[in-house]
Amino acid sequence: SYVYKYDKNGLLVEKIQTYDINNKGRIDTTRID
């Protein structure tokens, strides 16, 4: 599962993997500048 966050201009600023079947306790966040 993933969650995506945007700034006020509609630019993708975060992609967060909230669930991974191979590592259920890990949350991975990609930040975009």
Full PDB file with SEQRES, HELIX, SHEET, SSBOND, CRYST1, ORIGX, SCALE, CONECT and MASTER records, all heavy atoms in Angstrom:
SEQRES   1 A   33  SER TYR VAL TYR LYS TYR ASP LYS ASN GLY LEU LEU VAL          
SEQRES   2 A   33  GLU LYS ILE GLN THR TYR ASP ILE ASN ASN LYS GLY ARG          
SEQRES   3 A   33  ILE ASP THR THR ARG ILE ASP                                  
SHEET    1 AA1 3 TYR A   2  TYR A   6  0                                        
SHEET    2 AA1 3 LEU A  12  GLN A  17 -1                                        
SHEET    3 AA1 3 ASP A  28  ARG A  31 -1                                        
CRYST1    1.000    1.000    1.000  90.00  90.00  90.00 P 1           1          
ORIGX1      1.000000  0.000000  0.000000        0.00000                         
ORIGX2      0.000000  1.000000  0.000000        0.00000                         
ORIGX3      0.000000  0.000000  1.000000        0.00000                         
SCALE1      1.000000  0.000000  0.000000        0.00000                         
SCALE2      0.000000  1.000000  0.000000        0.00000                         
SCALE3      0.000000  0.000000  1.000000        0.00000                         
ATOM      1  N   SER A   1       0.856  -1.192   0.000  1.00  0.00           N  
ATOM      2  CA  SER A   1       0.000   0.000   0.000  1.00  0.00           C  
ATOM      3  C   SER A   1       0.889   1.238   0.000  1.00  0.00           C  
ATOM      4  O   SER A   1       1.978   1.232   0.594  1.00  0.00           O  
ATOM      5  CB  SER A   1      -0.901   0.032   1.232  1.00  0.00           C  
ATOM      6  OG  SER A   1      -1.874  -0.984   1.174  1.00  0.00           O  
ATOM      7  N   TYR A   2       0.403   2.305  -0.664  1.00  0.00           N  
ATOM      8  CA  TYR A   2       1.142   3.559  -0.751  1.00  0.00           C  
ATOM      9  C   TYR A   2       0.201   4.728  -0.484  1.00  0.00           C  
ATOM     10  O   TYR A   2      -0.983   4.673  -0.802  1.00  0.00           O  
ATOM     11  CB  TYR A   2       1.772   3.734  -2.135  1.00  0.00           C  
ATOM     12  CG  TYR A   2       2.772   2.668  -2.505  1.00  0.00           C  
ATOM     13  CD1 TYR A   2       2.356   1.483  -3.102  1.00  0.00           C  
ATOM     14  CD2 TYR A   2       4.131   2.849  -2.262  1.00  0.00           C  
ATOM     15  CE1 TYR A   2       3.266   0.499  -3.443  1.00  0.00           C  
ATOM     16  CE2 TYR A   2       5.055   1.866  -2.613  1.00  0.00           C  
ATOM     17  CZ  TYR A   2       4.617   0.701  -3.202  1.00  0.00           C  
ATOM     18  OH  TYR A   2       5.519  -0.281  -3.543  1.00  0.00           O  
ATOM     19  N   VAL A   3       0.755   5.795   0.063  1.00  0.00           N  
ATOM     20  CA  VAL A   3       0.051   7.056   0.244  1.00  0.00           C  
ATOM     21  C   VAL A   3       0.865   8.132  -0.457  1.00  0.00           C  
ATOM     22  O   VAL A   3       2.100   8.145  -0.380  1.00  0.00           O  
ATOM     23  CB  VAL A   3      -0.112   7.400   1.746  1.00  0.00           C  
ATOM     24  CG1 VAL A   3      -0.649   8.823   1.916  1.00  0.00           C  
ATOM     25  CG2 VAL A   3      -1.050   6.407   2.407  1.00  0.00           C  
ATOM     26  N   TYR A   4       0.176   9.060  -1.154  1.00  0.00           N  
ATOM     27  CA  TYR A   4       0.848  10.115  -1.903  1.00  0.00           C  
ATOM     28  C   TYR A   4       0.388  11.472  -1.386  1.00  0.00           C  
ATOM     29  O   TYR A   4      -0.802  11.690  -1.167  1.00  0.00           O  
ATOM     30  CB  TYR A   4       0.521   9.994  -3.397  1.00  0.00           C  
ATOM     31  CG  TYR A   4       0.759   8.608  -3.940  1.00  0.00           C  
ATOM     32  CD1 TYR A   4      -0.300   7.692  -4.042  1.00  0.00           C  
ATOM     33  CD2 TYR A   4       2.029   8.184  -4.328  1.00  0.00           C  
ATOM     34  CE1 TYR A   4      -0.089   6.409  -4.528  1.00  0.00           C  
ATOM     35  CE2 TYR A   4       2.244   6.903  -4.818  1.00  0.00           C  
ATOM     36  CZ  TYR A   4       1.184   6.022  -4.908  1.00  0.00           C  
ATOM     37  OH  TYR A   4       1.388   4.763  -5.378  1.00  0.00           O  
ATOM     38  N   LYS A   5       1.357  12.397  -1.211  1.00  0.00           N  
ATOM     39  CA  LYS A   5       1.047  13.731  -0.722  1.00  0.00           C  
ATOM     40  C   LYS A   5       1.540  14.774  -1.724  1.00  0.00           C  
ATOM     41  O   LYS A   5       2.587  14.598  -2.347  1.00  0.00           O  
ATOM     42  CB  LYS A   5       1.691  13.959   0.649  1.00  0.00           C  
ATOM     43  CG  LYS A   5       1.152  13.035   1.732  1.00  0.00           C  
ATOM     44  CD  LYS A   5       1.751  13.351   3.096  1.00  0.00           C  
ATOM     45  CE  LYS A   5       1.172  12.447   4.181  1.00  0.00           C  
ATOM     46  NZ  LYS A   5       1.752  12.754   5.511  1.00  0.00           N  
ATOM     47  N   TYR A   6       0.776  15.886  -1.841  1.00  0.00           N  
ATOM     48  CA  TYR A   6       1.047  16.925  -2.825  1.00  0.00           C  
ATOM     49  C   TYR A   6       1.109  18.282  -2.140  1.00  0.00           C  
ATOM     50  O   TYR A   6       0.517  18.483  -1.067  1.00  0.00           O  
ATOM     51  CB  TYR A   6      -0.042  16.932  -3.905  1.00  0.00           C  
ATOM     52  CG  TYR A   6      -0.207  15.597  -4.600  1.00  0.00           C  
ATOM     53  CD1 TYR A   6      -0.965  14.574  -4.017  1.00  0.00           C  
ATOM     54  CD2 TYR A   6       0.396  15.341  -5.819  1.00  0.00           C  
ATOM     55  CE1 TYR A   6      -1.116  13.350  -4.640  1.00  0.00           C  
ATOM     56  CE2 TYR A   6       0.246  14.121  -6.453  1.00  0.00           C  
ATOM     57  CZ  TYR A   6      -0.503  13.120  -5.847  1.00  0.00           C  
ATOM     58  OH  TYR A   6      -0.636  11.902  -6.463  1.00  0.00           O  
ATOM     59  N   ASP A   7       1.807  19.224  -2.785  1.00  0.00           N  
ATOM     60  CA  ASP A   7       1.812  20.590  -2.259  1.00  0.00           C  
ATOM     61  C   ASP A   7       0.648  21.374  -2.855  1.00  0.00           C  
ATOM     62  O   ASP A   7      -0.176  20.831  -3.614  1.00  0.00           O  
ATOM     63  CB  ASP A   7       3.161  21.273  -2.499  1.00  0.00           C  
ATOM     64  CG  ASP A   7       3.453  21.521  -3.982  1.00  0.00           C  
ATOM     65  OD1 ASP A   7       2.547  21.352  -4.823  1.00  0.00           O  
ATOM     66  OD2 ASP A   7       4.606  21.873  -4.294  1.00  0.00           O  
ATOM     67  N   LYS A   8       0.575  22.658  -2.548  1.00  0.00           N  
ATOM     68  CA  LYS A   8      -0.557  23.485  -2.990  1.00  0.00           C  
ATOM     69  C   LYS A   8      -0.592  23.658  -4.504  1.00  0.00           C  
ATOM     70  O   LYS A   8      -1.630  24.029  -5.062  1.00  0.00           O  
ATOM     71  CB  LYS A   8      -0.508  24.849  -2.315  1.00  0.00           C  
ATOM     72  CG  LYS A   8       0.723  25.665  -2.654  1.00  0.00           C  
ATOM     73  CD  LYS A   8       0.712  26.997  -1.933  1.00  0.00           C  
ATOM     74  CE  LYS A   8       1.950  27.819  -2.288  1.00  0.00           C  
ATOM     75  NZ  LYS A   8       1.947  29.128  -1.581  1.00  0.00           N  
ATOM     76  N   ASN A   9       0.528  23.393  -5.163  1.00  0.00           N  
ATOM     77  CA  ASN A   9       0.589  23.503  -6.620  1.00  0.00           C  
ATOM     78  C   ASN A   9       0.335  22.172  -7.322  1.00  0.00           C  
ATOM     79  O   ASN A   9       0.462  22.077  -8.542  1.00  0.00           O  
ATOM     80  CB  ASN A   9       1.944  24.056  -7.045  1.00  0.00           C  
ATOM     81  CG  ASN A   9       2.197  25.453  -6.521  1.00  0.00           C  
ATOM     82  OD1 ASN A   9       1.323  26.315  -6.616  1.00  0.00           O  
ATOM     83  ND2 ASN A   9       3.366  25.677  -5.948  1.00  0.00           N  
ATOM     84  N   GLY A  10      -0.015  21.154  -6.552  1.00  0.00           N  
ATOM     85  CA  GLY A  10      -0.302  19.851  -7.128  1.00  0.00           C  
ATOM     86  C   GLY A  10       0.932  19.021  -7.430  1.00  0.00           C  
ATOM     87  O   GLY A  10       0.838  18.006  -8.138  1.00  0.00           O  
ATOM     88  N   LEU A  11       2.082  19.407  -6.882  1.00  0.00           N  
ATOM     89  CA  LEU A  11       3.314  18.649  -7.095  1.00  0.00           C  
ATOM     90  C   LEU A  11       3.434  17.540  -6.062  1.00  0.00           C  
ATOM     91  O   LEU A  11       3.188  17.758  -4.861  1.00  0.00           O  
ATOM     92  CB  LEU A  11       4.535  19.571  -6.999  1.00  0.00           C  
ATOM     93  CG  LEU A  11       4.668  20.632  -8.084  1.00  0.00           C  
ATOM     94  CD1 LEU A  11       5.785  21.597  -7.729  1.00  0.00           C  
ATOM     95  CD2 LEU A  11       4.922  19.989  -9.435  1.00  0.00           C  
ATOM     96  N   LEU A  12       3.796  16.365  -6.517  1.00  0.00           N  
ATOM     97  CA  LEU A  12       4.001  15.237  -5.616  1.00  0.00           C  
ATOM     98  C   LEU A  12       5.224  15.507  -4.747  1.00  0.00           C  
ATOM     99  O   LEU A  12       6.327  15.729  -5.251  1.00  0.00           O  
ATOM    100  CB  LEU A  12       4.214  13.956  -6.421  1.00  0.00           C  
ATOM    101  CG  LEU A  12       4.499  12.685  -5.609  1.00  0.00           C  
ATOM    102  CD1 LEU A  12       3.259  12.261  -4.831  1.00  0.00           C  
ATOM    103  CD2 LEU A  12       4.958  11.554  -6.539  1.00  0.00           C  
ATOM    104  N   VAL A  13       5.049  15.509  -3.426  1.00  0.00           N  
ATOM    105  CA  VAL A  13       6.171  15.804  -2.525  1.00  0.00           C  
ATOM    106  C   VAL A  13       6.519  14.636  -1.619  1.00  0.00           C  
ATOM    107  O   VAL A  13       7.613  14.603  -1.044  1.00  0.00           O  
ATOM    108  CB  VAL A  13       5.890  17.057  -1.671  1.00  0.00           C  
ATOM    109  CG1 VAL A  13       5.844  18.301  -2.547  1.00  0.00           C  
ATOM    110  CG2 VAL A  13       4.589  16.907  -0.883  1.00  0.00           C  
ATOM    111  N   GLU A  14       5.621  13.651  -1.491  1.00  0.00           N  
ATOM    112  CA  GLU A  14       5.925  12.476  -0.673  1.00  0.00           C  
ATOM    113  C   GLU A  14       5.226  11.237  -1.224  1.00  0.00           C  
ATOM    114  O   GLU A  14       4.064  11.302  -1.627  1.00  0.00           O  
ATOM    115  CB  GLU A  14       5.478  12.680   0.777  1.00  0.00           C  
ATOM    116  CG  GLU A  14       6.530  13.248   1.694  1.00  0.00           C  
ATOM    117  CD  GLU A  14       6.107  13.158   3.151  1.00  0.00           C  
ATOM    118  OE1 GLU A  14       4.970  13.557   3.458  1.00  0.00           O  
ATOM    119  OE2 GLU A  14       6.914  12.700   3.971  1.00  0.00           O  
ATOM    120  N   LYS A  15       5.961  10.133  -1.253  1.00  0.00           N  
ATOM    121  CA  LYS A  15       5.406   8.822  -1.556  1.00  0.00           C  
ATOM    122  C   LYS A  15       5.757   7.918  -0.390  1.00  0.00           C  
ATOM    123  O   LYS A  15       6.934   7.715  -0.084  1.00  0.00           O  
ATOM    124  CB  LYS A  15       5.990   8.263  -2.859  1.00  0.00           C  
ATOM    125  CG  LYS A  15       5.529   6.850  -3.178  1.00  0.00           C  
ATOM    126  CD  LYS A  15       6.208   6.329  -4.432  1.00  0.00           C  
ATOM    127  CE  LYS A  15       5.805   4.893  -4.716  1.00  0.00           C  
ATOM    128  NZ  LYS A  15       6.497   4.361  -5.925  1.00  0.00           N  
ATOM    129  N   ILE A  16       4.741   7.394   0.287  1.00  0.00           N  
ATOM    130  CA  ILE A  16       4.963   6.622   1.510  1.00  0.00           C  
ATOM    131  C   ILE A  16       4.441   5.211   1.326  1.00  0.00           C  
ATOM    132  O   ILE A  16       3.253   5.014   1.035  1.00  0.00           O  
ATOM    133  CB  ILE A  16       4.252   7.279   2.710  1.00  0.00           C  
ATOM    134  CG1 ILE A  16       4.675   8.760   2.842  1.00  0.00           C  
ATOM    135  CG2 ILE A  16       4.550   6.520   3.996  1.00  0.00           C  
ATOM    136  CD1 ILE A  16       3.827   9.543   3.814  1.00  0.00           C  
ATOM    137  N   GLN A  17       5.312   4.232   1.447  1.00  0.00           N  
ATOM    138  CA  GLN A  17       4.875   2.838   1.421  1.00  0.00           C  
ATOM    139  C   GLN A  17       4.472   2.456   2.836  1.00  0.00           C  
ATOM    140  O   GLN A  17       5.311   2.313   3.721  1.00  0.00           O  
ATOM    141  CB  GLN A  17       5.965   1.897   0.916  1.00  0.00           C  
ATOM    142  CG  GLN A  17       5.480   0.458   0.790  1.00  0.00           C  
ATOM    143  CD  GLN A  17       6.471  -0.450   0.087  1.00  0.00           C  
ATOM    144  OE1 GLN A  17       7.623  -0.100  -0.095  1.00  0.00           O  
ATOM    145  NE2 GLN A  17       6.009  -1.625  -0.317  1.00  0.00           N  
ATOM    146  N   THR A  18       3.186   2.305   3.046  1.00  0.00           N  
ATOM    147  CA  THR A  18       2.669   2.045   4.390  1.00  0.00           C  
ATOM    148  C   THR A  18       2.531   0.570   4.696  1.00  0.00           C  
ATOM    149  O   THR A  18       2.335   0.193   5.853  1.00  0.00           O  
ATOM    150  CB  THR A  18       1.300   2.724   4.567  1.00  0.00           C  
ATOM    151  OG1 THR A  18       0.403   2.249   3.552  1.00  0.00           O  
ATOM    152  CG2 THR A  18       1.440   4.238   4.452  1.00  0.00           C  
ATOM    153  N   TYR A  19       2.611  -0.279   3.655  1.00  0.00           N  
ATOM    154  CA  TYR A  19       2.508  -1.721   3.877  1.00  0.00           C  
ATOM    155  C   TYR A  19       3.334  -2.456   2.844  1.00  0.00           C  
ATOM    156  O   TYR A  19       3.312  -2.107   1.657  1.00  0.00           O  
ATOM    157  CB  TYR A  19       1.052  -2.180   3.787  1.00  0.00           C  
ATOM    158  CG  TYR A  19       0.879  -3.683   3.936  1.00  0.00           C  
ATOM    159  CD1 TYR A  19       0.916  -4.283   5.189  1.00  0.00           C  
ATOM    160  CD2 TYR A  19       0.700  -4.496   2.817  1.00  0.00           C  
ATOM    161  CE1 TYR A  19       0.773  -5.663   5.330  1.00  0.00           C  
ATOM    162  CE2 TYR A  19       0.551  -5.869   2.944  1.00  0.00           C  
ATOM    163  CZ  TYR A  19       0.588  -6.448   4.202  1.00  0.00           C  
ATOM    164  OH  TYR A  19       0.454  -7.804   4.332  1.00  0.00           O  
ATOM    165  N   ASP A  20       4.087  -3.455   3.301  1.00  0.00           N  
ATOM    166  CA  ASP A  20       4.889  -4.317   2.431  1.00  0.00           C  
ATOM    167  C   ASP A  20       4.759  -5.740   2.953  1.00  0.00           C  
ATOM    168  O   ASP A  20       5.121  -6.010   4.101  1.00  0.00           O  
ATOM    169  CB  ASP A  20       6.353  -3.871   2.440  1.00  0.00           C  
ATOM    170  CG  ASP A  20       7.251  -4.741   1.569  1.00  0.00           C  
ATOM    171  OD1 ASP A  20       6.751  -5.737   1.002  1.00  0.00           O  
ATOM    172  OD2 ASP A  20       8.443  -4.440   1.467  1.00  0.00           O  
ATOM    173  N   ILE A  21       4.228  -6.623   2.138  1.00  0.00           N  
ATOM    174  CA  ILE A  21       3.973  -7.985   2.600  1.00  0.00           C  
ATOM    175  C   ILE A  21       5.251  -8.686   3.051  1.00  0.00           C  
ATOM    176  O   ILE A  21       5.224  -9.574   3.900  1.00  0.00           O  
ATOM    177  CB  ILE A  21       3.275  -8.816   1.493  1.00  0.00           C  
ATOM    178  CG1 ILE A  21       2.756 -10.137   2.067  1.00  0.00           C  
ATOM    179  CG2 ILE A  21       4.204  -9.032   0.304  1.00  0.00           C  
ATOM    180  CD1 ILE A  21       1.910 -10.941   1.097  1.00  0.00           C  
ATOM    181  N   ASN A  22       6.397  -8.265   2.505  1.00  0.00           N  
ATOM    182  CA  ASN A  22       7.672  -8.889   2.867  1.00  0.00           C  
ATOM    183  C   ASN A  22       8.325  -8.256   4.088  1.00  0.00           C  
ATOM    184  O   ASN A  22       9.310  -8.783   4.603  1.00  0.00           O  
ATOM    185  CB  ASN A  22       8.637  -8.808   1.683  1.00  0.00           C  
ATOM    186  CG  ASN A  22       8.144  -9.599   0.492  1.00  0.00           C  
ATOM    187  OD1 ASN A  22       7.694 -10.736   0.631  1.00  0.00           O  
ATOM    188  ND2 ASN A  22       8.192  -8.984  -0.687  1.00  0.00           N  
ATOM    189  N   ASN A  23       7.801  -7.125   4.533  1.00  0.00           N  
ATOM    190  CA  ASN A  23       8.343  -6.462   5.719  1.00  0.00           C  
ATOM    191  C   ASN A  23       7.235  -5.615   6.320  1.00  0.00           C  
ATOM    192  O   ASN A  23       7.189  -4.403   6.160  1.00  0.00           O  
ATOM    193  CB  ASN A  23       9.546  -5.588   5.342  1.00  0.00           C  
ATOM    194  CG  ASN A  23      10.360  -5.186   6.547  1.00  0.00           C  
ATOM    195  OD1 ASN A  23       9.845  -5.135   7.671  1.00  0.00           O  
ATOM    196  ND2 ASN A  23      11.624  -4.896   6.330  1.00  0.00           N  
ATOM    197  N   LYS A  24       6.348  -6.264   7.051  1.00  0.00           N  
ATOM    198  CA  LYS A  24       5.106  -5.635   7.479  1.00  0.00           C  
ATOM    199  C   LYS A  24       5.307  -4.536   8.514  1.00  0.00           C  
ATOM    200  O   LYS A  24       4.438  -3.696   8.693  1.00  0.00           O  
ATOM    201  CB  LYS A  24       4.153  -6.700   8.019  1.00  0.00           C  
ATOM    202  CG  LYS A  24       3.737  -7.719   6.962  1.00  0.00           C  
ATOM    203  CD  LYS A  24       2.788  -8.764   7.525  1.00  0.00           C  
ATOM    204  CE  LYS A  24       2.386  -9.767   6.455  1.00  0.00           C  
ATOM    205  NZ  LYS A  24       1.472 -10.823   6.972  1.00  0.00           N  
ATOM    206  N   GLY A  25       6.466  -4.511   9.181  1.00  0.00           N  
ATOM    207  CA  GLY A  25       6.685  -3.495  10.210  1.00  0.00           C  
ATOM    208  C   GLY A  25       7.405  -2.266   9.705  1.00  0.00           C  
ATOM    209  O   GLY A  25       7.668  -1.338  10.478  1.00  0.00           O  
ATOM    210  N   ARG A  26       7.711  -2.195   8.407  1.00  0.00           N  
ATOM    211  CA  ARG A  26       8.508  -1.099   7.873  1.00  0.00           C  
ATOM    212  C   ARG A  26       7.642  -0.102   7.108  1.00  0.00           C  
ATOM    213  O   ARG A  26       6.731  -0.476   6.399  1.00  0.00           O  
ATOM    214  CB  ARG A  26       9.587  -1.648   6.942  1.00  0.00           C  
ATOM    215  CG  ARG A  26      10.546  -0.577   6.417  1.00  0.00           C  
ATOM    216  CD  ARG A  26      11.613  -1.202   5.546  1.00  0.00           C  
ATOM    217  NE  ARG A  26      11.058  -1.710   4.296  1.00  0.00           N  
ATOM    218  CZ  ARG A  26      11.754  -2.444   3.425  1.00  0.00           C  
ATOM    219  NH1 ARG A  26      13.001  -2.782   3.711  1.00  0.00           N  
ATOM    220  NH2 ARG A  26      11.183  -2.870   2.304  1.00  0.00           N  
ATOM    221  N   ILE A  27       7.961   1.169   7.294  1.00  0.00           N  
ATOM    222  CA  ILE A  27       7.334   2.235   6.509  1.00  0.00           C  
ATOM    223  C   ILE A  27       8.434   2.981   5.779  1.00  0.00           C  
ATOM    224  O   ILE A  27       9.366   3.490   6.394  1.00  0.00           O  
ATOM    225  CB  ILE A  27       6.530   3.199   7.402  1.00  0.00           C  
ATOM    226  CG1 ILE A  27       5.345   2.464   8.049  1.00  0.00           C  
ATOM    227  CG2 ILE A  27       6.026   4.388   6.592  1.00  0.00           C  
ATOM    228  CD1 ILE A  27       4.524   3.332   8.980  1.00  0.00           C  
ATOM    229  N   ASP A  28       8.363   3.022   4.455  1.00  0.00           N  
ATOM    230  CA  ASP A  28       9.377   3.686   3.636  1.00  0.00           C  
ATOM    231  C   ASP A  28       8.808   4.968   3.050  1.00  0.00           C  
ATOM    232  O   ASP A  28       7.737   4.960   2.447  1.00  0.00           O  
ATOM    233  CB  ASP A  28       9.846   2.777   2.497  1.00  0.00           C  
ATOM    234  CG  ASP A  28      10.671   1.597   3.004  1.00  0.00           C  
ATOM    235  OD1 ASP A  28      11.321   1.767   4.047  1.00  0.00           O  
ATOM    236  OD2 ASP A  28      10.653   0.541   2.359  1.00  0.00           O  
ATOM    237  N   THR A  29       9.535   6.058   3.213  1.00  0.00           N  
ATOM    238  CA  THR A  29       9.093   7.354   2.710  1.00  0.00           C  
ATOM    239  C   THR A  29      10.090   7.886   1.686  1.00  0.00           C  
ATOM    240  O   THR A  29      11.291   7.908   1.933  1.00  0.00           O  
ATOM    241  CB  THR A  29       8.960   8.375   3.858  1.00  0.00           C  
ATOM    242  OG1 THR A  29       7.993   7.907   4.782  1.00  0.00           O  
ATOM    243  CG2 THR A  29       8.515   9.732   3.309  1.00  0.00           C  
ATOM    244  N   THR A  30       9.573   8.291   0.537  1.00  0.00           N  
ATOM    245  CA  THR A  30      10.363   8.983  -0.477  1.00  0.00           C  
ATOM    246  C   THR A  30       9.928  10.444  -0.503  1.00  0.00           C  
ATOM    247  O   THR A  30       8.751  10.740  -0.718  1.00  0.00           O  
ATOM    248  CB  THR A  30      10.157   8.364  -1.868  1.00  0.00           C  
ATOM    249  OG1 THR A  30      10.583   7.003  -1.850  1.00  0.00           O  
ATOM    250  CG2 THR A  30      10.976   9.118  -2.919  1.00  0.00           C  
ATOM    251  N   ARG A  31      10.878  11.356  -0.251  1.00  0.00           N  
ATOM    252  CA  ARG A  31      10.589  12.782  -0.288  1.00  0.00           C  
ATOM    253  C   ARG A  31      11.082  13.367  -1.599  1.00  0.00           C  
ATOM    254  O   ARG A  31      12.158  13.013  -2.078  1.00  0.00           O  
ATOM    255  CB  ARG A  31      11.282  13.499   0.881  1.00  0.00           C  
ATOM    256  CG  ARG A  31      10.817  14.949   1.047  1.00  0.00           C  
ATOM    257  CD  ARG A  31      11.563  15.694   2.143  1.00  0.00           C  
ATOM    258  NE  ARG A  31      12.793  16.305   1.632  1.00  0.00           N  
ATOM    259  CZ  ARG A  31      14.006  15.935   1.983  1.00  0.00           C  
ATOM    260  NH1 ARG A  31      14.185  14.924   2.820  1.00  0.00           N  
ATOM    261  NH2 ARG A  31      15.077  16.551   1.488  1.00  0.00           N  
ATOM    262  N   ILE A  32      10.310  14.270  -2.182  1.00  0.00           N  
ATOM    263  CA  ILE A  32      10.654  14.852  -3.477  1.00  0.00           C  
ATOM    264  C   ILE A  32      10.730  16.367  -3.338  1.00  0.00           C  
ATOM    265  O   ILE A  32       9.778  17.006  -2.879  1.00  0.00           O  
ATOM    266  CB  ILE A  32       9.628  14.470  -4.557  1.00  0.00           C  
ATOM    267  CG1 ILE A  32       9.489  12.945  -4.632  1.00  0.00           C  
ATOM    268  CG2 ILE A  32      10.018  15.035  -5.907  1.00  0.00           C  
ATOM    269  CD1 ILE A  32       8.401  12.467  -5.553  1.00  0.00           C  
ATOM    270  N   ASP A  33      11.867  16.939  -3.715  1.00  0.00           N  
ATOM    271  CA  ASP A  33      12.073  18.388  -3.677  1.00  0.00           C  
ATOM    272  C   ASP A  33      12.249  18.921  -5.100  1.00  0.00           C  
ATOM    273  O   ASP A  33      12.885  18.264  -5.937  1.00  0.00           O  
ATOM    274  CB  ASP A  33      13.322  18.741  -2.855  1.00  0.00           C  
ATOM    275  CG  ASP A  33      13.161  18.410  -1.379  1.00  0.00           C  
ATOM    276  OD1 ASP A  33      12.019  18.197  -0.933  1.00  0.00           O  
ATOM    277  OD2 ASP A  33      14.187  18.354  -0.666  1.00  0.00           O  
TER     278      ASP A  33                                                      
MASTER        0    0    0    0    3    0    0    6  277    1    0    3          
END                                                                             
